[in-house]
Amino acid sequence: MKKFLIIQAIIFLIFPCSAIGATVEGGVTKSGAVTGSRVIDSTTKQPVANASIIFPQLQYKTFTNAEGAFQIGATINGPTVMSVEKEGYRQYSLTVNKDSASKPLVVSIQKSNADDISIASEMMHLGDNTYSKNSANSGDFKISAAGPFYTKTFLMAATALNRTNYLVIGSIIGIDTAMARAMGQNNVKNSFSSPPEVFFNGNKIAEIHLNGDGQRIKIPQNLIKPGEKNEITLKTGKNLMQTAYTDYDDIEIMNISIFSE
């Protein structure tokens, strides 16, 4: 029997940060006294200047100053994806809401290494553009669906097998599985969808049942082709209560990468 990972991360989307001065680091919150929102290096704890702070769904972008400080000038109502980008650092995103965005955030980002691969850094929408207002985060959808799946080929280093490799999804919203409904992530009453599926070189390696940030999927070593082109595919789920036609679950994804450790 083939084995694959079931991802159930619910970081931030279900339990948004509410403590004043919370530190955001790899999807985990830590309390600490801070004077304002800023971006720091995860190792040195020093401020990161000129980092981009992007809210793609709100079409809003700002930058950190020399002290790594930033202010959010956009109006945030419901859960919204925030992406932090800086050359030489790994892509990082998290889901904030009105409450968490109104309090100081210290976002800790990690320097990239030579084998890290950026698969996609833009927000993408998978599905069929047909969804209920009760669907998870449907009010935040701003772009049209590119279809029910996303595929990308990329070159992995010849030394890829010398490290442990993870497929990392920065943020994912819109999932309407039974588990997501049970956790209160959507208000859909009479239906639910199958989970999004993740494939690596044609092999299913994970299902994603919950919305969340920083979802890490370990890539089996035996599936990796070192020094060659590899392929990932993400497929959105389907409404399991609709049998007359195929009704795809509409989801949005931000930041897809491969990190090696």
C-alpha atoms as a PDB file:
ATOM      1  CA  MET A   1       0.000   0.000   0.000  1.00  0.00           C
ATOM      2  CA  LYS A   2       1.340   3.409  -0.925  1.00  0.00           C
ATOM      3  CA  LYS A   3       1.924   5.734   1.998  1.00  0.00           C
ATOM      4  CA  PHE A   4       1.629   9.490   1.944  1.00  0.00           C
ATOM      5  CA  LEU A   5       1.538  12.296   4.439  1.00  0.00           C
ATOM      6  CA  ILE A   6      -1.678  13.877   5.703  1.00  0.00           C
ATOM      7  CA  ILE A   7      -1.015  17.522   6.451  1.00  0.00           C
ATOM      8  CA  GLN A   8      -3.153  19.014   9.215  1.00  0.00           C
ATOM      9  CA  ALA A   9      -1.390  22.293  10.001  1.00  0.00           C
ATOM     10  CA  ILE A  10      -3.735  24.975  11.321  1.00  0.00           C
ATOM     11  CA  ILE A  11      -1.180  27.596  12.280  1.00  0.00           C
ATOM     12  CA  PHE A  12      -2.555  31.140  12.537  1.00  0.00           C
ATOM     13  CA  LEU A  13      -5.669  30.657  10.436  1.00  0.00           C
ATOM     14  CA  ILE A  14      -7.556  28.977  13.230  1.00  0.00           C
ATOM     15  CA  PHE A  15      -5.740  30.430  16.197  1.00  0.00           C
ATOM     16  CA  PRO A  16      -4.473  33.863  15.115  1.00  0.00           C
ATOM     17  CA  CYS A  17      -1.908  35.541  17.304  1.00  0.00           C
ATOM     18  CA  SER A  18      -3.573  37.640  19.953  1.00  0.00           C
ATOM     19  CA  ALA A  19      -0.767  38.298  22.447  1.00  0.00           C
ATOM     20  CA  ILE A  20       0.786  41.753  22.350  1.00  0.00           C
ATOM     21  CA  GLY A  21       4.326  41.546  21.014  1.00  0.00           C
ATOM     22  CA  ALA A  22       3.966  38.046  19.636  1.00  0.00           C
ATOM     23  CA  THR A  23       6.915  36.781  17.620  1.00  0.00           C
ATOM     24  CA  VAL A  24       6.185  34.888  14.429  1.00  0.00           C
ATOM     25  CA  GLU A  25       8.839  32.323  13.645  1.00  0.00           C
ATOM     26  CA  GLY A  26       8.309  29.398  11.315  1.00  0.00           C
ATOM     27  CA  GLY A  27       4.610  29.298  12.096  1.00  0.00           C
ATOM     28  CA  VAL A  28       5.112  29.272  15.884  1.00  0.00           C
ATOM     29  CA  THR A  29       4.228  32.230  18.132  1.00  0.00           C
ATOM     30  CA  LYS A  30       6.410  33.269  21.055  1.00  0.00           C
ATOM     31  CA  SER A  31       5.666  36.051  23.504  1.00  0.00           C
ATOM     32  CA  GLY A  32       8.144  38.892  23.806  1.00  0.00           C
ATOM     33  CA  ALA A  33       8.224  42.618  24.491  1.00  0.00           C
ATOM     34  CA  VAL A  34       8.509  44.663  21.305  1.00  0.00           C
ATOM     35  CA  THR A  35       7.816  48.280  20.438  1.00  0.00           C
ATOM     36  CA  GLY A  36       6.441  47.751  16.934  1.00  0.00           C
ATOM     37  CA  SER A  37       6.227  45.404  13.996  1.00  0.00           C
ATOM     38  CA  ARG A  38       9.555  44.442  12.489  1.00  0.00           C
ATOM     39  CA  VAL A  39      11.441  41.765  10.568  1.00  0.00           C
ATOM     40  CA  ILE A  40      14.543  40.135  12.042  1.00  0.00           C
ATOM     41  CA  ASP A  41      17.095  37.516  11.030  1.00  0.00           C
ATOM     42  CA  SER A  42      16.191  34.196  12.685  1.00  0.00           C
ATOM     43  CA  THR A  43      19.821  33.436  13.582  1.00  0.00           C
ATOM     44  CA  THR A  44      21.376  36.780  14.487  1.00  0.00           C
ATOM     45  CA  LYS A  45      18.129  38.409  15.699  1.00  0.00           C
ATOM     46  CA  GLN A  46      19.295  41.557  13.919  1.00  0.00           C
ATOM     47  CA  PRO A  47      16.827  43.715  11.943  1.00  0.00           C
ATOM     48  CA  VAL A  48      16.387  43.021   8.234  1.00  0.00           C
ATOM     49  CA  ALA A  49      16.196  46.243   6.249  1.00  0.00           C
ATOM     50  CA  ASN A  50      14.337  46.733   2.954  1.00  0.00           C
ATOM     51  CA  ALA A  51      12.338  43.508   3.242  1.00  0.00           C
ATOM     52  CA  SER A  52       9.093  43.490   1.254  1.00  0.00           C
ATOM     53  CA  ILE A  53       5.837  43.118   3.202  1.00  0.00           C
ATOM     54  CA  ILE A  54       3.136  42.086   0.748  1.00  0.00           C
ATOM     55  CA  PHE A  55      -0.605  41.526   1.110  1.00  0.00           C
ATOM     56  CA  PRO A  56      -1.411  40.121  -2.353  1.00  0.00           C
ATOM     57  CA  GLN A  57      -5.171  39.854  -1.790  1.00  0.00           C
ATOM     58  CA  LEU A  58      -5.287  43.525  -0.810  1.00  0.00           C
ATOM     59  CA  GLN A  59      -2.821  44.616  -3.505  1.00  0.00           C
ATOM     60  CA  TYR A  60      -0.777  46.301  -0.801  1.00  0.00           C
ATOM     61  CA  LYS A  61       3.016  46.376  -0.417  1.00  0.00           C
ATOM     62  CA  THR A  62       5.397  48.143   1.948  1.00  0.00           C
ATOM     63  CA  PHE A  63       9.026  47.790   3.069  1.00  0.00           C
ATOM     64  CA  THR A  64      10.985  47.619   6.304  1.00  0.00           C
ATOM     65  CA  ASN A  65      13.233  50.548   7.223  1.00  0.00           C
ATOM     66  CA  ALA A  66      16.853  50.403   8.379  1.00  0.00           C
ATOM     67  CA  GLU A  67      15.698  49.103  11.783  1.00  0.00           C
ATOM     68  CA  GLY A  68      13.580  46.384  10.152  1.00  0.00           C
ATOM     69  CA  ALA A  69      10.393  48.173  11.226  1.00  0.00           C
ATOM     70  CA  PHE A  70       7.226  48.349   9.151  1.00  0.00           C
ATOM     71  CA  GLN A  71       3.648  49.555   9.408  1.00  0.00           C
ATOM     72  CA  ILE A  72       0.578  47.953   7.863  1.00  0.00           C
ATOM     73  CA  GLY A  73      -1.344  50.677   6.068  1.00  0.00           C
ATOM     74  CA  ALA A  74      -4.002  48.403   4.593  1.00  0.00           C
ATOM     75  CA  THR A  75      -7.448  47.731   6.049  1.00  0.00           C
ATOM     76  CA  ILE A  76      -7.676  44.123   7.195  1.00  0.00           C
ATOM     77  CA  ASN A  77     -11.052  42.622   8.015  1.00  0.00           C
ATOM     78  CA  GLY A  78     -10.964  38.835   7.593  1.00  0.00           C
ATOM     79  CA  PRO A  79      -8.012  36.403   7.501  1.00  0.00           C
ATOM     80  CA  THR A  80      -5.497  37.664   4.933  1.00  0.00           C
ATOM     81  CA  VAL A  81      -2.162  36.293   3.707  1.00  0.00           C
ATOM     82  CA  MET A  82       0.934  38.378   4.428  1.00  0.00           C
ATOM     83  CA  SER A  83       4.160  37.524   2.595  1.00  0.00           C
ATOM     84  CA  VAL A  84       7.664  38.600   3.615  1.00  0.00           C
ATOM     85  CA  GLU A  85      10.381  38.616   0.946  1.00  0.00           C
ATOM     86  CA  LYS A  86      14.044  39.562   1.041  1.00  0.00           C
ATOM     87  CA  GLU A  87      16.867  38.539  -1.294  1.00  0.00           C
ATOM     88  CA  GLY A  88      19.044  35.906   0.353  1.00  0.00           C
ATOM     89  CA  TYR A  89      16.233  34.729   2.658  1.00  0.00           C
ATOM     90  CA  ARG A  90      13.639  31.997   2.395  1.00  0.00           C
ATOM     91  CA  GLN A  91      10.135  32.962   1.314  1.00  0.00           C
ATOM     92  CA  TYR A  92       7.828  33.287   4.289  1.00  0.00           C
ATOM     93  CA  SER A  93       4.112  33.952   4.633  1.00  0.00           C
ATOM     94  CA  LEU A  94       1.491  33.850   7.347  1.00  0.00           C
ATOM     95  CA  THR A  95      -2.225  34.447   7.697  1.00  0.00           C
ATOM     96  CA  VAL A  96      -3.224  37.453   9.805  1.00  0.00           C
ATOM     97  CA  ASN A  97      -6.594  38.897  10.722  1.00  0.00           C
ATOM     98  CA  LYS A  98      -7.831  42.259  11.989  1.00  0.00           C
ATOM     99  CA  ASP A  99      -6.891  41.459  15.580  1.00  0.00           C
ATOM    100  CA  SER A 100      -3.407  40.038  15.018  1.00  0.00           C
ATOM    101  CA  ALA A 101      -2.461  42.682  12.423  1.00  0.00           C
ATOM    102  CA  SER A 102      -3.359  45.473  14.852  1.00  0.00           C
ATOM    103  CA  LYS A 103      -0.707  44.320  17.345  1.00  0.00           C
ATOM    104  CA  PRO A 104       3.101  44.415  17.011  1.00  0.00           C
ATOM    105  CA  LEU A 105       4.519  41.490  15.066  1.00  0.00           C
ATOM    106  CA  VAL A 106       8.136  40.408  14.968  1.00  0.00           C
ATOM    107  CA  VAL A 107       8.598  38.232  11.899  1.00  0.00           C
ATOM    108  CA  SER A 108      11.716  36.073  12.001  1.00  0.00           C
ATOM    109  CA  ILE A 109      12.999  34.988   8.575  1.00  0.00           C
ATOM    110  CA  GLN A 110      15.683  32.452   7.764  1.00  0.00           C
ATOM    111  CA  LYS A 111      18.549  32.798   5.307  1.00  0.00           C
ATOM    112  CA  SER A 112      18.337  30.526   2.287  1.00  0.00           C
ATOM    113  CA  ASN A 113      20.975  28.014   1.277  1.00  0.00           C
ATOM    114  CA  ALA A 114      22.309  27.099  -2.148  1.00  0.00           C
ATOM    115  CA  ASP A 115      19.974  24.127  -2.604  1.00  0.00           C
ATOM    116  CA  ASP A 116      16.725  25.942  -1.761  1.00  0.00           C
ATOM    117  CA  ILE A 117      14.342  26.239  -4.724  1.00  0.00           C
ATOM    118  CA  SER A 118      11.568  28.792  -5.193  1.00  0.00           C
ATOM    119  CA  ILE A 119       8.754  27.054  -7.046  1.00  0.00           C
ATOM    120  CA  ALA A 120       6.181  29.872  -7.007  1.00  0.00           C
ATOM    121  CA  SER A 121       6.170  33.171  -5.127  1.00  0.00           C
ATOM    122  CA  GLU A 122       2.913  34.640  -6.419  1.00  0.00           C
ATOM    123  CA  MET A 123      -0.563  34.023  -5.026  1.00  0.00           C
ATOM    124  CA  MET A 124      -2.353  31.405  -7.119  1.00  0.00           C
ATOM    125  CA  HIS A 125      -6.008  30.346  -7.239  1.00  0.00           C
ATOM    126  CA  LEU A 126      -6.928  26.745  -8.060  1.00  0.00           C
ATOM    127  CA  GLY A 127     -10.495  25.630  -8.731  1.00  0.00           C
ATOM    128  CA  ASP A 128     -13.341  26.597 -11.061  1.00  0.00           C
ATOM    129  CA  ASN A 129     -14.390  30.052  -9.765  1.00  0.00           C
ATOM    130  CA  THR A 130     -17.609  28.553  -8.370  1.00  0.00           C
ATOM    131  CA  TYR A 131     -17.827  28.686  -4.598  1.00  0.00           C
ATOM    132  CA  SER A 132     -20.177  29.567  -1.770  1.00  0.00           C
ATOM    133  CA  LYS A 133     -19.835  32.698   0.333  1.00  0.00           C
ATOM    134  CA  ASN A 134     -19.624  30.276   3.260  1.00  0.00           C
ATOM    135  CA  SER A 135     -16.502  28.657   1.845  1.00  0.00           C
ATOM    136  CA  ALA A 136     -13.306  29.111   3.845  1.00  0.00           C
ATOM    137  CA  ASN A 137     -11.888  32.598   3.189  1.00  0.00           C
ATOM    138  CA  SER A 138     -13.977  33.020   0.025  1.00  0.00           C
ATOM    139  CA  GLY A 139     -14.341  36.712   0.773  1.00  0.00           C
ATOM    140  CA  ASP A 140     -10.579  37.084   0.350  1.00  0.00           C
ATOM    141  CA  PHE A 141     -10.377  35.581  -3.147  1.00  0.00           C
ATOM    142  CA  LYS A 142      -9.236  38.290  -5.564  1.00  0.00           C
ATOM    143  CA  ILE A 143      -7.888  36.433  -8.604  1.00  0.00           C
ATOM    144  CA  SER A 144      -9.445  34.018 -11.100  1.00  0.00           C
ATOM    145  CA  ALA A 145      -8.781  30.295 -10.976  1.00  0.00           C
ATOM    146  CA  ALA A 146      -5.999  28.945 -13.174  1.00  0.00           C
ATOM    147  CA  GLY A 147      -7.698  25.530 -13.224  1.00  0.00           C
ATOM    148  CA  PRO A 148      -7.962  22.602 -10.818  1.00  0.00           C
ATOM    149  CA  PHE A 149      -4.231  21.850 -10.640  1.00  0.00           C
ATOM    150  CA  TYR A 150      -0.768  23.425 -10.793  1.00  0.00           C
ATOM    151  CA  THR A 151       2.338  21.704 -12.168  1.00  0.00           C
ATOM    152  CA  LYS A 152       5.933  22.910 -12.209  1.00  0.00           C
ATOM    153  CA  THR A 153       9.180  21.258 -13.260  1.00  0.00           C
ATOM    154  CA  PHE A 154      12.493  22.328 -11.744  1.00  0.00           C
ATOM    155  CA  LEU A 155      16.118  21.216 -11.521  1.00  0.00           C
ATOM    156  CA  MET A 156      17.384  19.716  -8.284  1.00  0.00           C
ATOM    157  CA  ALA A 157      21.060  19.733  -7.354  1.00  0.00           C
ATOM    158  CA  ALA A 158      23.238  16.715  -7.985  1.00  0.00           C
ATOM    159  CA  THR A 159      23.856  16.636  -4.222  1.00  0.00           C
ATOM    160  CA  ALA A 160      20.142  16.717  -3.333  1.00  0.00           C
ATOM    161  CA  LEU A 161      20.244  13.297  -1.699  1.00  0.00           C
ATOM    162  CA  ASN A 162      22.855  14.518   0.783  1.00  0.00           C
ATOM    163  CA  ARG A 163      20.164  16.568   2.533  1.00  0.00           C
ATOM    164  CA  THR A 164      16.591  16.154   3.711  1.00  0.00           C
ATOM    165  CA  ASN A 165      14.280  18.013   1.334  1.00  0.00           C
ATOM    166  CA  TYR A 166      10.896  19.521   2.194  1.00  0.00           C
ATOM    167  CA  LEU A 167       8.186  20.914  -0.021  1.00  0.00           C
ATOM    168  CA  VAL A 168       6.936  23.974   1.877  1.00  0.00           C
ATOM    169  CA  ILE A 169       3.626  25.738   1.247  1.00  0.00           C
ATOM    170  CA  GLY A 170       3.768  29.191   2.816  1.00  0.00           C
ATOM    171  CA  SER A 171       0.004  29.691   3.151  1.00  0.00           C
ATOM    172  CA  ILE A 172      -3.115  27.944   1.876  1.00  0.00           C
ATOM    173  CA  ILE A 173      -6.737  29.107   2.300  1.00  0.00           C
ATOM    174  CA  GLY A 174     -10.153  28.043   0.989  1.00  0.00           C
ATOM    175  CA  ILE A 175     -10.029  24.340   1.858  1.00  0.00           C
ATOM    176  CA  ASP A 176     -13.530  22.982   2.541  1.00  0.00           C
ATOM    177  CA  THR A 177     -12.835  19.456   3.761  1.00  0.00           C
ATOM    178  CA  ALA A 178     -14.889  17.777   6.472  1.00  0.00           C
ATOM    179  CA  MET A 179     -11.993  18.320   8.887  1.00  0.00           C
ATOM    180  CA  ALA A 180     -11.790  22.026   8.006  1.00  0.00           C
ATOM    181  CA  ARG A 181     -15.531  22.337   8.609  1.00  0.00           C
ATOM    182  CA  ALA A 182     -15.269  20.539  11.949  1.00  0.00           C
ATOM    183  CA  MET A 183     -12.520  22.961  12.991  1.00  0.00           C
ATOM    184  CA  GLY A 184     -14.685  25.954  12.141  1.00  0.00           C
ATOM    185  CA  GLN A 185     -12.628  27.066   9.148  1.00  0.00           C
ATOM    186  CA  ASN A 186     -15.732  27.429   6.955  1.00  0.00           C
ATOM    187  CA  ASN A 187     -19.495  27.722   7.322  1.00  0.00           C
ATOM    188  CA  VAL A 188     -20.557  25.288   4.607  1.00  0.00           C
ATOM    189  CA  LYS A 189     -23.464  23.272   6.040  1.00  0.00           C
ATOM    190  CA  ASN A 190     -24.458  20.584   3.555  1.00  0.00           C
ATOM    191  CA  SER A 191     -21.302  19.577   1.720  1.00  0.00           C
ATOM    192  CA  PHE A 192     -17.576  19.100   2.003  1.00  0.00           C
ATOM    193  CA  SER A 193     -14.683  18.491  -0.360  1.00  0.00           C
ATOM    194  CA  SER A 194     -11.915  15.993  -0.755  1.00  0.00           C
ATOM    195  CA  PRO A 195      -8.526  17.370   0.363  1.00  0.00           C
ATOM    196  CA  PRO A 196      -6.003  18.965  -1.990  1.00  0.00           C
ATOM    197  CA  GLU A 197      -3.371  16.453  -3.053  1.00  0.00           C
ATOM    198  CA  VAL A 198       0.369  16.895  -3.555  1.00  0.00           C
ATOM    199  CA  PHE A 199       2.349  14.836  -6.067  1.00  0.00           C
ATOM    200  CA  PHE A 200       6.102  14.610  -6.582  1.00  0.00           C
ATOM    201  CA  ASN A 201       7.293  13.094  -9.861  1.00  0.00           C
ATOM    202  CA  GLY A 202       3.857  11.549 -10.338  1.00  0.00           C
ATOM    203  CA  ASN A 203       3.658  10.032  -6.848  1.00  0.00           C
ATOM    204  CA  LYS A 204       1.175  11.230  -4.249  1.00  0.00           C
ATOM    205  CA  ILE A 205       3.066  12.351  -1.156  1.00  0.00           C
ATOM    206  CA  ALA A 206       0.476  14.287   0.854  1.00  0.00           C
ATOM    207  CA  GLU A 207      -3.093  15.380   1.421  1.00  0.00           C
ATOM    208  CA  ILE A 208      -3.833  18.785   2.967  1.00  0.00           C
ATOM    209  CA  HIS A 209      -6.975  18.735   5.109  1.00  0.00           C
ATOM    210  CA  LEU A 210      -6.720  22.104   6.874  1.00  0.00           C
ATOM    211  CA  ASN A 211      -5.977  25.699   5.961  1.00  0.00           C
ATOM    212  CA  GLY A 212      -2.811  27.111   7.474  1.00  0.00           C
ATOM    213  CA  ASP A 213       0.723  28.444   7.167  1.00  0.00           C
ATOM    214  CA  GLY A 214       4.158  26.890   6.898  1.00  0.00           C
ATOM    215  CA  GLN A 215       3.011  23.433   5.836  1.00  0.00           C
ATOM    216  CA  ARG A 216       6.086  21.214   5.359  1.00  0.00           C
ATOM    217  CA  ILE A 217       5.984  17.974   3.416  1.00  0.00           C
ATOM    218  CA  LYS A 218       9.032  15.709   3.539  1.00  0.00           C
ATOM    219  CA  ILE A 219       9.969  14.524   0.042  1.00  0.00           C
ATOM    220  CA  PRO A 220      10.850  10.795  -0.026  1.00  0.00           C
ATOM    221  CA  GLN A 221      14.471  10.359  -1.038  1.00  0.00           C
ATOM    222  CA  ASN A 222      13.641   7.534  -3.459  1.00  0.00           C
ATOM    223  CA  LEU A 223      11.465   9.873  -5.548  1.00  0.00           C
ATOM    224  CA  ILE A 224      14.132  12.536  -6.064  1.00  0.00           C
ATOM    225  CA  LYS A 225      16.104  12.686  -9.301  1.00  0.00           C
ATOM    226  CA  PRO A 226      19.372  14.424  -8.354  1.00  0.00           C
ATOM    227  CA  GLY A 227      20.878  16.610 -11.051  1.00  0.00           C
ATOM    228  CA  GLU A 228      17.740  16.246 -13.193  1.00  0.00           C
ATOM    229  CA  LYS A 229      14.364  17.865 -13.773  1.00  0.00           C
ATOM    230  CA  ASN A 230      11.775  16.987 -11.109  1.00  0.00           C
ATOM    231  CA  GLU A 231       8.069  17.833 -11.018  1.00  0.00           C
ATOM    232  CA  ILE A 232       5.508  18.798  -8.416  1.00  0.00           C
ATOM    233  CA  THR A 233       1.743  18.907  -8.920  1.00  0.00           C
ATOM    234  CA  LEU A 234      -0.885  20.332  -6.587  1.00  0.00           C
ATOM    235  CA  LYS A 235      -4.495  19.307  -7.211  1.00  0.00           C
ATOM    236  CA  THR A 236      -7.436  20.932  -5.482  1.00  0.00           C
ATOM    237  CA  GLY A 237     -10.234  18.796  -4.021  1.00  0.00           C
ATOM    238  CA  LYS A 238     -13.742  18.126  -5.308  1.00  0.00           C
ATOM    239  CA  ASN A 239     -17.158  18.625  -3.733  1.00  0.00           C
ATOM    240  CA  LEU A 240     -18.032  15.093  -2.583  1.00  0.00           C
ATOM    241  CA  MET A 241     -21.737  15.876  -2.327  1.00  0.00           C
ATOM    242  CA  GLN A 242     -22.062  16.947  -5.979  1.00  0.00           C
ATOM    243  CA  THR A 243     -22.464  14.001  -8.369  1.00  0.00           C
ATOM    244  CA  ALA A 244     -24.143  15.649 -11.362  1.00  0.00           C
ATOM    245  CA  TYR A 245     -20.907  17.344 -12.400  1.00  0.00           C
ATOM    246  CA  THR A 246     -17.398  17.979 -11.109  1.00  0.00           C
ATOM    247  CA  ASP A 247     -17.365  20.881  -8.650  1.00  0.00           C
ATOM    248  CA  TYR A 248     -13.789  21.782  -7.713  1.00  0.00           C
ATOM    249  CA  ASP A 249     -12.948  23.317  -4.356  1.00  0.00           C
ATOM    250  CA  ASP A 250     -11.554  26.831  -4.843  1.00  0.00           C
ATOM    251  CA  ILE A 251      -8.354  27.428  -2.878  1.00  0.00           C
ATOM    252  CA  GLU A 252      -5.576  30.003  -2.888  1.00  0.00           C
ATOM    253  CA  ILE A 253      -1.898  29.290  -2.251  1.00  0.00           C
ATOM    254  CA  MET A 254       1.030  31.614  -1.526  1.00  0.00           C
ATOM    255  CA  ASN A 255       4.738  30.729  -1.679  1.00  0.00           C
ATOM    256  CA  ILE A 256       5.757  27.217  -2.731  1.00  0.00           C
ATOM    257  CA  SER A 257       9.377  26.256  -2.147  1.00  0.00           C
ATOM    258  CA  ILE A 258      11.717  23.350  -1.608  1.00  0.00           C
ATOM    259  CA  PHE A 259      13.952  23.767   1.440  1.00  0.00           C
ATOM    260  CA  SER A 260      16.845  21.443   2.148  1.00  0.00           C
ATOM    261  CA  GLU A 261      18.305  20.794   5.591  1.00  0.00           C
END
